[in-house]
């Protein structure tokens, strides 16, 4: 019969995998641009007249990457691990990313690669992409070549295109070691 469970369902621990097993995660984040805050994207301070609003330094790219890593490990989201407490107030997101990288290692996984995209009408991120890849790689303990950073624009559409927000997405591949 439809919807009926036949036999006993076995629940496996998703982290108990053989070496060479892979897990994929995806993350997304968006923050509004506001006056009076510095702009951090990918662990790099970007010269701009506004920054991203948020509890930490509001680095949307690193937040998306953290959520991708946590998702790949079935560990929930960023807010569950890094709540809006005094400990994380204005914290550098690279510090948060390094902590998430520790969670990855503790569970016996390593990052194979991360593919990231930042959606910002301005500022132009092209001059910063290499520096971002290096900052992210350092926090993760991998090579900069394992971190791809791309940028796109909102083309005048929605809060991103209207220069009111910056968003980011990330996809990661983890391998059991």
C-alpha atoms as a PDB file:
ATOM      1  CA  UNK A   1       0.000   0.000   0.000  1.00  0.00           C
ATOM      2  CA  UNK A   2       1.162   3.494  -0.758  1.00  0.00           C
ATOM      3  CA  UNK A   3       2.921   5.250   2.138  1.00  0.00           C
ATOM      4  CA  UNK A   4       3.284   2.042   4.123  1.00  0.00           C
ATOM      5  CA  UNK A   5       6.644   1.034   5.525  1.00  0.00           C
ATOM      6  CA  UNK A   6       7.412  -2.605   4.848  1.00  0.00           C
ATOM      7  CA  UNK A   7       9.794  -4.167   7.351  1.00  0.00           C
ATOM      8  CA  UNK A   8      11.850  -2.294   9.924  1.00  0.00           C
ATOM      9  CA  UNK A   9      13.585   0.836   8.713  1.00  0.00           C
ATOM     10  CA  UNK A  10      17.258   1.006   9.554  1.00  0.00           C
ATOM     11  CA  UNK A  11      18.583   4.434  10.433  1.00  0.00           C
ATOM     12  CA  UNK A  12      22.241   4.779   9.539  1.00  0.00           C
ATOM     13  CA  UNK A  13      24.634   7.315  10.940  1.00  0.00           C
ATOM     14  CA  UNK A  14      25.272   9.523   7.887  1.00  0.00           C
ATOM     15  CA  UNK A  15      28.870  10.173   8.976  1.00  0.00           C
ATOM     16  CA  UNK A  16      29.851   6.473   9.098  1.00  0.00           C
ATOM     17  CA  UNK A  17      31.096   6.165   5.551  1.00  0.00           C
ATOM     18  CA  UNK A  18      33.998   4.323   3.995  1.00  0.00           C
ATOM     19  CA  UNK A  19      37.134   6.275   3.043  1.00  0.00           C
ATOM     20  CA  UNK A  20      36.657   7.719  -0.409  1.00  0.00           C
ATOM     21  CA  UNK A  21      32.938   8.380   0.168  1.00  0.00           C
ATOM     22  CA  UNK A  22      31.728  11.825  -0.813  1.00  0.00           C
ATOM     23  CA  UNK A  23      29.207  14.332   0.547  1.00  0.00           C
ATOM     24  CA  UNK A  24      27.923  17.482  -1.174  1.00  0.00           C
ATOM     25  CA  UNK A  25      26.572  20.612   0.521  1.00  0.00           C
ATOM     26  CA  UNK A  26      25.029  23.843  -0.711  1.00  0.00           C
ATOM     27  CA  UNK A  27      24.730  27.164   1.116  1.00  0.00           C
ATOM     28  CA  UNK A  28      23.139  30.545   0.499  1.00  0.00           C
ATOM     29  CA  UNK A  29      23.236  33.842   2.367  1.00  0.00           C
ATOM     30  CA  UNK A  30      22.085  37.412   1.786  1.00  0.00           C
ATOM     31  CA  UNK A  31      22.644  40.575   3.842  1.00  0.00           C
ATOM     32  CA  UNK A  32      21.465  44.161   3.337  1.00  0.00           C
ATOM     33  CA  UNK A  33      24.003  46.896   2.662  1.00  0.00           C
ATOM     34  CA  UNK A  34      24.041  49.604   5.336  1.00  0.00           C
ATOM     35  CA  UNK A  35      25.969  52.771   6.118  1.00  0.00           C
ATOM     36  CA  UNK A  36      28.553  52.811   8.893  1.00  0.00           C
ATOM     37  CA  UNK A  37      29.938  49.270   8.568  1.00  0.00           C
ATOM     38  CA  UNK A  38      32.982  47.966   6.739  1.00  0.00           C
ATOM     39  CA  UNK A  39      32.370  45.553   3.854  1.00  0.00           C
ATOM     40  CA  UNK A  40      33.851  42.065   4.193  1.00  0.00           C
ATOM     41  CA  UNK A  41      33.443  39.475   1.461  1.00  0.00           C
ATOM     42  CA  UNK A  42      35.403  36.230   1.380  1.00  0.00           C
ATOM     43  CA  UNK A  43      37.444  37.241   4.407  1.00  0.00           C
ATOM     44  CA  UNK A  44      38.710  40.382   2.660  1.00  0.00           C
ATOM     45  CA  UNK A  45      37.894  43.972   3.538  1.00  0.00           C
ATOM     46  CA  UNK A  46      36.554  45.618   0.384  1.00  0.00           C
ATOM     47  CA  UNK A  47      36.750  49.355  -0.208  1.00  0.00           C
ATOM     48  CA  UNK A  48      33.106  50.492  -0.378  1.00  0.00           C
ATOM     49  CA  UNK A  49      30.889  53.203   1.122  1.00  0.00           C
ATOM     50  CA  UNK A  50      28.627  50.637   2.850  1.00  0.00           C
ATOM     51  CA  UNK A  51      28.986  47.277   4.564  1.00  0.00           C
ATOM     52  CA  UNK A  52      26.751  44.310   5.257  1.00  0.00           C
ATOM     53  CA  UNK A  53      24.386  44.333   8.244  1.00  0.00           C
ATOM     54  CA  UNK A  54      24.588  41.362  10.573  1.00  0.00           C
ATOM     55  CA  UNK A  55      25.629  40.115  13.988  1.00  0.00           C
ATOM     56  CA  UNK A  56      29.164  39.108  12.989  1.00  0.00           C
ATOM     57  CA  UNK A  57      31.051  40.913  10.222  1.00  0.00           C
ATOM     58  CA  UNK A  58      28.158  39.681   7.989  1.00  0.00           C
ATOM     59  CA  UNK A  59      30.429  38.172   5.315  1.00  0.00           C
ATOM     60  CA  UNK A  60      27.722  36.638   3.094  1.00  0.00           C
ATOM     61  CA  UNK A  61      30.211  34.559   1.097  1.00  0.00           C
ATOM     62  CA  UNK A  62      31.750  32.892   4.135  1.00  0.00           C
ATOM     63  CA  UNK A  63      28.320  32.384   5.702  1.00  0.00           C
ATOM     64  CA  UNK A  64      27.104  30.603   2.560  1.00  0.00           C
ATOM     65  CA  UNK A  65      30.258  28.476   2.569  1.00  0.00           C
ATOM     66  CA  UNK A  66      29.792  27.562   6.245  1.00  0.00           C
ATOM     67  CA  UNK A  67      26.197  26.523   5.590  1.00  0.00           C
ATOM     68  CA  UNK A  68      27.351  24.377   2.652  1.00  0.00           C
ATOM     69  CA  UNK A  69      29.922  22.619   4.849  1.00  0.00           C
ATOM     70  CA  UNK A  70      27.454  22.127   7.705  1.00  0.00           C
ATOM     71  CA  UNK A  71      24.820  20.869   5.268  1.00  0.00           C
ATOM     72  CA  UNK A  72      27.209  18.342   3.738  1.00  0.00           C
ATOM     73  CA  UNK A  73      27.730  16.928   7.234  1.00  0.00           C
ATOM     74  CA  UNK A  74      24.014  17.054   8.136  1.00  0.00           C
ATOM     75  CA  UNK A  75      24.792  19.421  11.035  1.00  0.00           C
ATOM     76  CA  UNK A  76      22.099  22.037  10.554  1.00  0.00           C
ATOM     77  CA  UNK A  77      22.775  25.663   9.749  1.00  0.00           C
ATOM     78  CA  UNK A  78      25.089  28.453  10.804  1.00  0.00           C
ATOM     79  CA  UNK A  79      22.647  29.979  13.304  1.00  0.00           C
ATOM     80  CA  UNK A  80      22.422  26.701  15.219  1.00  0.00           C
ATOM     81  CA  UNK A  81      26.176  26.689  15.866  1.00  0.00           C
ATOM     82  CA  UNK A  82      26.945  30.425  16.016  1.00  0.00           C
ATOM     83  CA  UNK A  83      23.987  32.188  17.655  1.00  0.00           C
ATOM     84  CA  UNK A  84      23.647  35.928  18.098  1.00  0.00           C
ATOM     85  CA  UNK A  85      25.559  36.041  21.393  1.00  0.00           C
ATOM     86  CA  UNK A  86      28.305  38.317  22.681  1.00  0.00           C
ATOM     87  CA  UNK A  87      30.928  35.739  21.637  1.00  0.00           C
ATOM     88  CA  UNK A  88      30.081  36.196  17.944  1.00  0.00           C
ATOM     89  CA  UNK A  89      29.208  39.928  17.962  1.00  0.00           C
ATOM     90  CA  UNK A  90      31.251  41.565  15.160  1.00  0.00           C
ATOM     91  CA  UNK A  91      33.335  38.352  14.872  1.00  0.00           C
ATOM     92  CA  UNK A  92      35.444  37.826  11.783  1.00  0.00           C
ATOM     93  CA  UNK A  93      33.651  35.249   9.670  1.00  0.00           C
ATOM     94  CA  UNK A  94      37.014  33.636   8.900  1.00  0.00           C
ATOM     95  CA  UNK A  95      37.076  32.654  12.592  1.00  0.00           C
ATOM     96  CA  UNK A  96      33.672  31.030  12.196  1.00  0.00           C
ATOM     97  CA  UNK A  97      34.824  29.274   9.013  1.00  0.00           C
ATOM     98  CA  UNK A  98      37.922  27.914  10.774  1.00  0.00           C
ATOM     99  CA  UNK A  99      35.666  26.492  13.509  1.00  0.00           C
ATOM    100  CA  UNK A 100      33.442  24.841  10.889  1.00  0.00           C
ATOM    101  CA  UNK A 101      36.566  23.448   9.179  1.00  0.00           C
ATOM    102  CA  UNK A 102      37.411  21.837  12.525  1.00  0.00           C
ATOM    103  CA  UNK A 103      33.982  20.176  12.567  1.00  0.00           C
ATOM    104  CA  UNK A 104      34.671  18.784   9.090  1.00  0.00           C
ATOM    105  CA  UNK A 105      38.020  17.342  10.208  1.00  0.00           C
ATOM    106  CA  UNK A 106      36.596  15.959  13.485  1.00  0.00           C
ATOM    107  CA  UNK A 107      34.128  13.920  11.481  1.00  0.00           C
ATOM    108  CA  UNK A 108      36.874  12.504   9.283  1.00  0.00           C
ATOM    109  CA  UNK A 109      36.254  14.503   6.123  1.00  0.00           C
ATOM    110  CA  UNK A 110      38.336  16.814   3.979  1.00  0.00           C
ATOM    111  CA  UNK A 111      37.298  19.505   1.522  1.00  0.00           C
ATOM    112  CA  UNK A 112      37.843  18.431  -2.078  1.00  0.00           C
ATOM    113  CA  UNK A 113      36.693  21.754  -3.489  1.00  0.00           C
ATOM    114  CA  UNK A 114      34.370  24.707  -2.940  1.00  0.00           C
ATOM    115  CA  UNK A 115      32.630  26.570  -5.747  1.00  0.00           C
ATOM    116  CA  UNK A 116      31.348  29.996  -4.669  1.00  0.00           C
ATOM    117  CA  UNK A 117      29.510  32.844  -6.350  1.00  0.00           C
ATOM    118  CA  UNK A 118      28.865  36.344  -5.021  1.00  0.00           C
ATOM    119  CA  UNK A 119      25.947  38.331  -6.408  1.00  0.00           C
ATOM    120  CA  UNK A 120      26.640  42.054  -6.004  1.00  0.00           C
ATOM    121  CA  UNK A 121      25.752  44.965  -8.247  1.00  0.00           C
ATOM    122  CA  UNK A 122      28.692  46.842  -6.736  1.00  0.00           C
ATOM    123  CA  UNK A 123      31.516  47.023  -5.902  1.00  0.00           C
ATOM    124  CA  UNK A 124      33.395  45.141  -8.584  1.00  0.00           C
ATOM    125  CA  UNK A 125      34.877  42.048  -6.946  1.00  0.00           C
ATOM    126  CA  UNK A 126      37.221  41.004  -9.753  1.00  0.00           C
ATOM    127  CA  UNK A 127      40.291  42.655  -8.160  1.00  0.00           C
ATOM    128  CA  UNK A 128      39.685  40.777  -4.881  1.00  0.00           C
ATOM    129  CA  UNK A 129      38.883  37.214  -6.028  1.00  0.00           C
ATOM    130  CA  UNK A 130      42.411  35.841  -5.649  1.00  0.00           C
ATOM    131  CA  UNK A 131      42.770  37.370  -2.198  1.00  0.00           C
ATOM    132  CA  UNK A 132      39.376  35.954  -1.193  1.00  0.00           C
ATOM    133  CA  UNK A 133      40.360  32.447  -2.325  1.00  0.00           C
ATOM    134  CA  UNK A 134      43.568  32.690  -0.280  1.00  0.00           C
ATOM    135  CA  UNK A 135      41.767  33.939   2.863  1.00  0.00           C
ATOM    136  CA  UNK A 136      39.125  31.212   2.630  1.00  0.00           C
ATOM    137  CA  UNK A 137      41.705  28.515   1.890  1.00  0.00           C
ATOM    138  CA  UNK A 138      43.777  29.589   4.899  1.00  0.00           C
ATOM    139  CA  UNK A 139      40.746  29.335   7.207  1.00  0.00           C
ATOM    140  CA  UNK A 140      39.904  25.897   5.783  1.00  0.00           C
ATOM    141  CA  UNK A 141      43.476  24.583   5.731  1.00  0.00           C
ATOM    142  CA  UNK A 142      43.407  23.838   1.990  1.00  0.00           C
ATOM    143  CA  UNK A 143      45.094  25.213  -1.133  1.00  0.00           C
ATOM    144  CA  UNK A 144      43.709  28.372  -2.748  1.00  0.00           C
ATOM    145  CA  UNK A 145      43.195  26.336  -5.932  1.00  0.00           C
ATOM    146  CA  UNK A 146      40.561  24.292  -4.075  1.00  0.00           C
ATOM    147  CA  UNK A 147      38.367  27.400  -3.711  1.00  0.00           C
ATOM    148  CA  UNK A 148      36.667  28.911  -6.762  1.00  0.00           C
ATOM    149  CA  UNK A 149      35.280  32.448  -6.416  1.00  0.00           C
ATOM    150  CA  UNK A 150      33.024  33.909  -9.079  1.00  0.00           C
ATOM    151  CA  UNK A 151      31.026  37.128  -9.169  1.00  0.00           C
ATOM    152  CA  UNK A 152      27.852  38.157 -10.910  1.00  0.00           C
ATOM    153  CA  UNK A 153      25.496  41.135 -10.861  1.00  0.00           C
ATOM    154  CA  UNK A 154      21.814  41.632 -10.219  1.00  0.00           C
ATOM    155  CA  UNK A 155      21.395  43.520 -13.523  1.00  0.00           C
ATOM    156  CA  UNK A 156      19.196  46.117 -11.814  1.00  0.00           C
ATOM    157  CA  UNK A 157      16.715  43.538 -10.511  1.00  0.00           C
ATOM    158  CA  UNK A 158      15.582  43.102  -6.897  1.00  0.00           C
ATOM    159  CA  UNK A 159      17.494  44.129  -3.778  1.00  0.00           C
ATOM    160  CA  UNK A 160      20.834  43.051  -5.243  1.00  0.00           C
ATOM    161  CA  UNK A 161      20.372  44.871  -8.541  1.00  0.00           C
ATOM    162  CA  UNK A 162      19.076  47.912  -6.666  1.00  0.00           C
ATOM    163  CA  UNK A 163      22.332  47.951  -4.637  1.00  0.00           C
ATOM    164  CA  UNK A 164      20.524  47.229  -1.362  1.00  0.00           C
ATOM    165  CA  UNK A 165      22.000  43.774  -0.665  1.00  0.00           C
ATOM    166  CA  UNK A 166      24.732  41.262  -1.477  1.00  0.00           C
ATOM    167  CA  UNK A 167      24.105  37.516  -1.693  1.00  0.00           C
ATOM    168  CA  UNK A 168      26.345  34.489  -2.063  1.00  0.00           C
ATOM    169  CA  UNK A 169      26.032  30.786  -2.823  1.00  0.00           C
ATOM    170  CA  UNK A 170      28.485  27.973  -2.260  1.00  0.00           C
ATOM    171  CA  UNK A 171      28.692  24.309  -3.135  1.00  0.00           C
ATOM    172  CA  UNK A 172      31.216  22.006  -1.480  1.00  0.00           C
ATOM    173  CA  UNK A 173      32.419  18.469  -2.030  1.00  0.00           C
ATOM    174  CA  UNK A 174      33.753  16.605   0.993  1.00  0.00           C
ATOM    175  CA  UNK A 175      35.606  13.291   0.962  1.00  0.00           C
ATOM    176  CA  UNK A 176      35.850  10.791   3.822  1.00  0.00           C
ATOM    177  CA  UNK A 177      39.512  10.242   4.701  1.00  0.00           C
END
